[in-house]
Amino acid sequence: MPGELIPIVMFMSIAAIAIFRPLTTRIGKRMERAQIARKPGEDAQINRIMHLMERLVDRMDRLEDRVDFTERILERQRVQAQLTDGPPRSEPERQRDESCSRRDDEPSSF
């Protein structure tokens, strides 16, 4: 079986080269002509767009730094609050404590 595949693969490779080589050379020549025929104003426009993109990247970097700084500050405040208040309580514990404190505040009806 492998001996039979060698001539088949070789024939298909030669046929692919024979078919696609002229096609690729034509595409390449067309691309070269399009590059030469390009308008001179396009270079200035491309440079302008590149400059704008660089400014946007710089702005994004600054915003990312600001967000990182804010996250660090908030994390530090959260840790300090945990140290002074104790560990955070779950929602059911908080509701139970609030309901108990409300009952203690209400005057008794006796």
N, C-alpha and C. Protein backbone atom coordinates (compact mmCIF):
# COMPACT_ATOMS: atom_id res chain seq x y z
N MET A 1 0.81 -1.20 0.00
CA MET A 1 0.00 0.00 0.00
C MET A 1 0.86 1.26 0.00
N PRO A 2 1.86 1.42 0.90
CA PRO A 2 2.66 2.64 0.88
C PRO A 2 3.43 2.82 -0.42
N GLY A 3 3.82 1.75 -1.05
CA GLY A 3 4.53 1.85 -2.32
C GLY A 3 3.66 2.41 -3.43
N GLU A 4 2.37 2.18 -3.36
CA GLU A 4 1.44 2.68 -4.36
C GLU A 4 1.15 4.17 -4.16
N LEU A 5 1.26 4.66 -2.92
CA LEU A 5 0.96 6.05 -2.62
C LEU A 5 2.03 7.02 -3.10
N ILE A 6 3.26 6.56 -3.18
CA ILE A 6 4.36 7.45 -3.57
C ILE A 6 4.14 8.05 -4.95
N PRO A 7 3.87 7.26 -5.99
CA PRO A 7 3.65 7.88 -7.30
C PRO A 7 2.39 8.77 -7.35
N ILE A 8 1.37 8.39 -6.60
CA ILE A 8 0.14 9.19 -6.59
C ILE A 8 0.40 10.56 -5.96
N VAL A 9 1.08 10.57 -4.83
CA VAL A 9 1.39 11.83 -4.15
C VAL A 9 2.31 12.67 -5.02
N MET A 10 3.28 12.05 -5.68
CA MET A 10 4.21 12.78 -6.53
C MET A 10 3.46 13.41 -7.72
N PHE A 11 2.57 12.65 -8.33
CA PHE A 11 1.80 13.17 -9.46
C PHE A 11 0.91 14.34 -9.02
N MET A 12 0.27 14.22 -7.85
CA MET A 12 -0.61 15.29 -7.36
C MET A 12 0.20 16.55 -7.02
N SER A 13 1.40 16.37 -6.49
CA SER A 13 2.24 17.53 -6.17
C SER A 13 2.65 18.27 -7.43
N ILE A 14 3.06 17.54 -8.45
CA ILE A 14 3.48 18.16 -9.71
C ILE A 14 2.28 18.87 -10.36
N ALA A 15 1.11 18.25 -10.31
CA ALA A 15 -0.08 18.87 -10.89
C ALA A 15 -0.45 20.15 -10.12
N ALA A 16 -0.34 20.13 -8.81
CA ALA A 16 -0.66 21.32 -8.02
C ALA A 16 0.31 22.45 -8.33
N ILE A 17 1.58 22.14 -8.47
CA ILE A 17 2.57 23.16 -8.82
C ILE A 17 2.28 23.73 -10.20
N ALA A 18 1.97 22.83 -11.14
CA ALA A 18 1.71 23.28 -12.51
C ALA A 18 0.45 24.17 -12.57
N ILE A 19 -0.52 23.89 -11.73
CA ILE A 19 -1.77 24.67 -11.76
C ILE A 19 -1.62 25.98 -10.99
N PHE A 20 -1.07 25.92 -9.79
CA PHE A 20 -1.07 27.08 -8.91
C PHE A 20 0.08 28.06 -9.13
N ARG A 21 1.18 27.64 -9.75
CA ARG A 21 2.29 28.57 -9.95
C ARG A 21 1.91 29.75 -10.84
N PRO A 22 1.30 29.55 -12.00
CA PRO A 22 0.92 30.71 -12.81
C PRO A 22 -0.09 31.61 -12.09
N LEU A 23 -0.97 30.99 -11.35
CA LEU A 23 -1.96 31.74 -10.61
C LEU A 23 -1.29 32.64 -9.56
N THR A 24 -0.35 32.10 -8.81
CA THR A 24 0.31 32.88 -7.76
C THR A 24 1.19 33.97 -8.35
N THR A 25 1.82 33.71 -9.49
CA THR A 25 2.64 34.77 -10.09
C THR A 25 1.75 35.92 -10.58
N ARG A 26 0.59 35.61 -11.12
CA ARG A 26 -0.33 36.67 -11.55
C ARG A 26 -0.81 37.49 -10.36
N ILE A 27 -1.14 36.82 -9.29
CA ILE A 27 -1.59 37.53 -8.08
C ILE A 27 -0.48 38.42 -7.55
N GLY A 28 0.76 37.91 -7.56
CA GLY A 28 1.90 38.70 -7.10
C GLY A 28 2.12 39.93 -7.96
N LYS A 29 2.04 39.78 -9.28
CA LYS A 29 2.21 40.93 -10.17
C LYS A 29 1.11 41.96 -9.97
N ARG A 30 -0.10 41.50 -9.78
CA ARG A 30 -1.21 42.41 -9.53
C ARG A 30 -1.00 43.19 -8.24
N MET A 31 -0.51 42.52 -7.23
CA MET A 31 -0.25 43.19 -5.96
C MET A 31 0.85 44.24 -6.11
N GLU A 32 1.88 43.93 -6.90
CA GLU A 32 2.96 44.90 -7.14
C GLU A 32 2.42 46.12 -7.87
N ARG A 33 1.59 45.90 -8.88
CA ARG A 33 1.02 47.02 -9.61
C ARG A 33 0.12 47.88 -8.72
N ALA A 34 -0.62 47.24 -7.86
CA ALA A 34 -1.49 47.99 -6.95
C ALA A 34 -0.64 48.81 -5.98
N GLN A 35 0.49 48.29 -5.57
CA GLN A 35 1.39 49.02 -4.67
C GLN A 35 1.95 50.25 -5.37
N ILE A 36 2.33 50.11 -6.62
CA ILE A 36 2.89 51.22 -7.38
C ILE A 36 1.81 52.27 -7.68
N ALA A 37 0.60 51.81 -8.00
CA ALA A 37 -0.47 52.72 -8.39
C ALA A 37 -1.16 53.36 -7.17
N ARG A 38 -0.69 53.07 -6.00
CA ARG A 38 -1.32 53.61 -4.80
C ARG A 38 -1.20 55.13 -4.77
N LYS A 39 -2.22 55.78 -4.29
CA LYS A 39 -2.25 57.23 -4.25
C LYS A 39 -1.24 57.75 -3.22
N PRO A 40 -0.59 58.89 -3.52
CA PRO A 40 0.38 59.42 -2.56
C PRO A 40 -0.27 59.92 -1.27
N GLY A 41 -1.51 60.31 -1.32
CA GLY A 41 -2.20 60.78 -0.12
C GLY A 41 -2.49 59.67 0.88
N GLU A 42 -2.48 58.45 0.41
CA GLU A 42 -2.76 57.33 1.29
C GLU A 42 -1.67 57.16 2.34
N ASP A 43 -0.42 57.45 1.98
CA ASP A 43 0.67 57.33 2.94
C ASP A 43 0.47 58.29 4.10
N ALA A 44 0.08 59.51 3.78
CA ALA A 44 -0.15 60.49 4.85
C ALA A 44 -1.32 60.05 5.73
N GLN A 45 -2.35 59.51 5.10
CA GLN A 45 -3.51 59.05 5.87
C GLN A 45 -3.13 57.85 6.75
N ILE A 46 -2.34 56.96 6.22
CA ILE A 46 -1.89 55.81 7.01
C ILE A 46 -1.04 56.28 8.17
N ASN A 47 -0.15 57.23 7.92
CA ASN A 47 0.68 57.76 9.01
C ASN A 47 -0.17 58.42 10.08
N ARG A 48 -1.20 59.14 9.67
CA ARG A 48 -2.10 59.79 10.61
C ARG A 48 -2.84 58.76 11.46
N ILE A 49 -3.31 57.72 10.81
CA ILE A 49 -4.01 56.64 11.53
C ILE A 49 -3.06 55.95 12.50
N MET A 50 -1.82 55.71 12.08
CA MET A 50 -0.84 55.08 12.96
C MET A 50 -0.56 55.96 14.18
N HIS A 51 -0.46 57.27 13.96
CA HIS A 51 -0.23 58.19 15.07
C HIS A 51 -1.41 58.16 16.05
N LEU A 52 -2.62 58.16 15.52
CA LEU A 52 -3.81 58.08 16.38
C LEU A 52 -3.84 56.77 17.16
N MET A 53 -3.46 55.69 16.52
CA MET A 53 -3.43 54.39 17.20
C MET A 53 -2.40 54.40 18.33
N GLU A 54 -1.25 55.00 18.10
CA GLU A 54 -0.23 55.09 19.15
C GLU A 54 -0.75 55.90 20.34
N ARG A 55 -1.45 57.00 20.05
CA ARG A 55 -2.02 57.80 21.13
C ARG A 55 -3.05 57.02 21.93
N LEU A 56 -3.88 56.23 21.21
CA LEU A 56 -4.87 55.41 21.89
C LEU A 56 -4.22 54.35 22.77
N VAL A 57 -3.14 53.76 22.29
CA VAL A 57 -2.43 52.75 23.08
C VAL A 57 -1.85 53.40 24.33
N ASP A 58 -1.27 54.59 24.19
CA ASP A 58 -0.73 55.29 25.36
C ASP A 58 -1.83 55.59 26.37
N ARG A 59 -2.97 56.04 25.87
CA ARG A 59 -4.09 56.34 26.76
C ARG A 59 -4.59 55.10 27.48
N MET A 60 -4.68 54.01 26.75
CA MET A 60 -5.11 52.75 27.36
C MET A 60 -4.13 52.31 28.44
N ASP A 61 -2.84 52.48 28.20
CA ASP A 61 -1.83 52.13 29.20
C ASP A 61 -2.01 52.97 30.46
N ARG A 62 -2.25 54.26 30.29
CA ARG A 62 -2.45 55.12 31.46
C ARG A 62 -3.71 54.73 32.22
N LEU A 63 -4.79 54.43 31.49
CA LEU A 63 -6.02 54.01 32.14
C LEU A 63 -5.83 52.69 32.89
N GLU A 64 -5.09 51.80 32.30
CA GLU A 64 -4.81 50.52 32.96
C GLU A 64 -4.04 50.74 34.25
N ASP A 65 -3.06 51.64 34.22
CA ASP A 65 -2.31 51.96 35.43
C ASP A 65 -3.22 52.55 36.50
N ARG A 66 -4.13 53.41 36.10
CA ARG A 66 -5.05 54.01 37.07
C ARG A 66 -5.98 52.98 37.69
N VAL A 67 -6.47 52.07 36.87
CA VAL A 67 -7.34 51.01 37.39
C VAL A 67 -6.58 50.12 38.36
N ASP A 68 -5.35 49.76 38.00
CA ASP A 68 -4.53 48.94 38.90
C ASP A 68 -4.31 49.65 40.23
N PHE A 69 -4.01 50.95 40.18
CA PHE A 69 -3.79 51.72 41.39
C PHE A 69 -5.06 51.73 42.26
N THR A 70 -6.20 51.98 41.62
CA THR A 70 -7.47 52.02 42.35
C THR A 70 -7.78 50.67 42.98
N GLU A 71 -7.52 49.59 42.25
CA GLU A 71 -7.76 48.26 42.81
C GLU A 71 -6.87 48.00 44.00
N ARG A 72 -5.61 48.43 43.95
CA ARG A 72 -4.71 48.25 45.09
C ARG A 72 -5.20 49.03 46.30
N ILE A 73 -5.64 50.26 46.08
CA ILE A 73 -6.14 51.09 47.19
C ILE A 73 -7.37 50.44 47.82
N LEU A 74 -8.31 50.01 46.98
CA LEU A 74 -9.53 49.39 47.50
C LEU A 74 -9.22 48.10 48.24
N GLU A 75 -8.30 47.32 47.74
CA GLU A 75 -7.91 46.08 48.42
C GLU A 75 -7.29 46.40 49.77
N ARG A 76 -6.44 47.40 49.81
CA ARG A 76 -5.82 47.80 51.07
C ARG A 76 -6.88 48.25 52.08
N GLN A 77 -7.86 49.02 51.62
CA GLN A 77 -8.94 49.46 52.51
C GLN A 77 -9.77 48.28 53.00
N ARG A 78 -10.00 47.32 52.13
CA ARG A 78 -10.78 46.14 52.51
C ARG A 78 -10.03 45.34 53.58
N VAL A 79 -8.72 45.18 53.41
CA VAL A 79 -7.92 44.44 54.39
C VAL A 79 -7.91 45.18 55.71
N GLN A 80 -7.76 46.50 55.69
CA GLN A 80 -7.76 47.27 56.93
C GLN A 80 -9.12 47.17 57.62
N ALA A 81 -10.20 47.19 56.85
CA ALA A 81 -11.53 47.07 57.44
C ALA A 81 -11.71 45.70 58.08
N GLN A 82 -11.17 44.66 57.45
CA GLN A 82 -11.27 43.32 58.03
C GLN A 82 -10.48 43.24 59.33
N LEU A 83 -9.33 43.89 59.38
CA LEU A 83 -8.52 43.85 60.59
C LEU A 83 -9.21 44.56 61.74
N THR A 84 -9.90 45.65 61.47
CA THR A 84 -10.56 46.40 62.55
C THR A 84 -11.92 45.83 62.89
N ASP A 85 -12.69 45.35 61.91
CA ASP A 85 -14.05 44.86 62.14
C ASP A 85 -14.12 43.36 62.33
N GLY A 86 -13.11 42.65 62.01
CA GLY A 86 -13.15 41.20 62.05
C GLY A 86 -13.46 40.65 60.68
N PRO A 87 -13.56 39.33 60.57
CA PRO A 87 -13.83 38.73 59.25
C PRO A 87 -15.22 39.09 58.77
N PRO A 88 -15.40 39.16 57.47
CA PRO A 88 -16.73 39.51 56.93
C PRO A 88 -17.73 38.41 57.26
N ARG A 89 -18.95 38.81 57.58
CA ARG A 89 -19.99 37.85 57.90
C ARG A 89 -20.80 37.55 56.66
N SER A 90 -21.41 36.38 56.66
CA SER A 90 -22.25 36.01 55.53
C SER A 90 -23.58 36.75 55.65
N GLU A 91 -24.33 36.76 54.59
CA GLU A 91 -25.60 37.50 54.54
C GLU A 91 -26.61 36.97 55.54
N PRO A 92 -26.80 35.64 55.70
CA PRO A 92 -27.78 35.17 56.70
C PRO A 92 -27.40 35.58 58.13
N GLU A 93 -26.10 35.55 58.46
CA GLU A 93 -25.67 35.97 59.79
C GLU A 93 -25.99 37.44 60.01
N ARG A 94 -25.75 38.27 59.01
CA ARG A 94 -25.99 39.69 59.10
C ARG A 94 -27.49 39.96 59.31
N GLN A 95 -28.35 39.23 58.56
CA GLN A 95 -29.79 39.43 58.70
C GLN A 95 -30.27 38.98 60.08
N ARG A 96 -29.72 37.88 60.57
CA ARG A 96 -30.12 37.38 61.89
C ARG A 96 -29.71 38.37 62.97
N ASP A 97 -28.50 38.90 62.87
CA ASP A 97 -28.04 39.88 63.85
C ASP A 97 -28.90 41.14 63.82
N GLU A 98 -29.27 41.58 62.62
CA GLU A 98 -30.10 42.77 62.50
C GLU A 98 -31.48 42.54 63.08
N SER A 99 -32.05 41.36 62.85
CA SER A 99 -33.38 41.07 63.38
C SER A 99 -33.33 40.96 64.90
N CYS A 100 -32.26 40.42 65.46
CA CYS A 100 -32.11 40.35 66.92
C CYS A 100 -31.98 41.74 67.51
N SER A 101 -31.21 42.61 66.87
CA SER A 101 -31.04 43.95 67.40
C SER A 101 -32.34 44.74 67.31
N ARG A 102 -33.17 44.48 66.31
CA ARG A 102 -34.46 45.16 66.21
C ARG A 102 -35.39 44.72 67.34
N ARG A 103 -35.35 43.44 67.65
CA ARG A 103 -36.22 42.93 68.73
C ARG A 103 -35.80 43.52 70.07
N ASP A 104 -34.50 43.72 70.26
CA ASP A 104 -34.02 44.27 71.51
C ASP A 104 -34.41 45.74 71.64
N ASP A 105 -34.48 46.44 70.54
CA ASP A 105 -34.80 47.86 70.56
C ASP A 105 -36.30 48.11 70.79
N GLU A 106 -37.14 47.16 70.41
CA GLU A 106 -38.59 47.35 70.54
C GLU A 106 -38.99 47.23 72.01
N PRO A 107 -39.85 48.10 72.46
CA PRO A 107 -40.32 47.97 73.85
C PRO A 107 -41.19 46.73 74.01
N SER A 108 -41.09 46.13 75.12
CA SER A 108 -41.87 44.92 75.35
C SER A 108 -43.33 45.33 75.66
N SER A 109 -44.25 44.48 75.31
CA SER A 109 -45.67 44.79 75.49
C SER A 109 -46.21 44.26 76.81
N PHE A 110 -45.39 43.77 77.71
CA PHE A 110 -45.86 43.25 79.00
C PHE A 110 -46.23 44.32 79.94
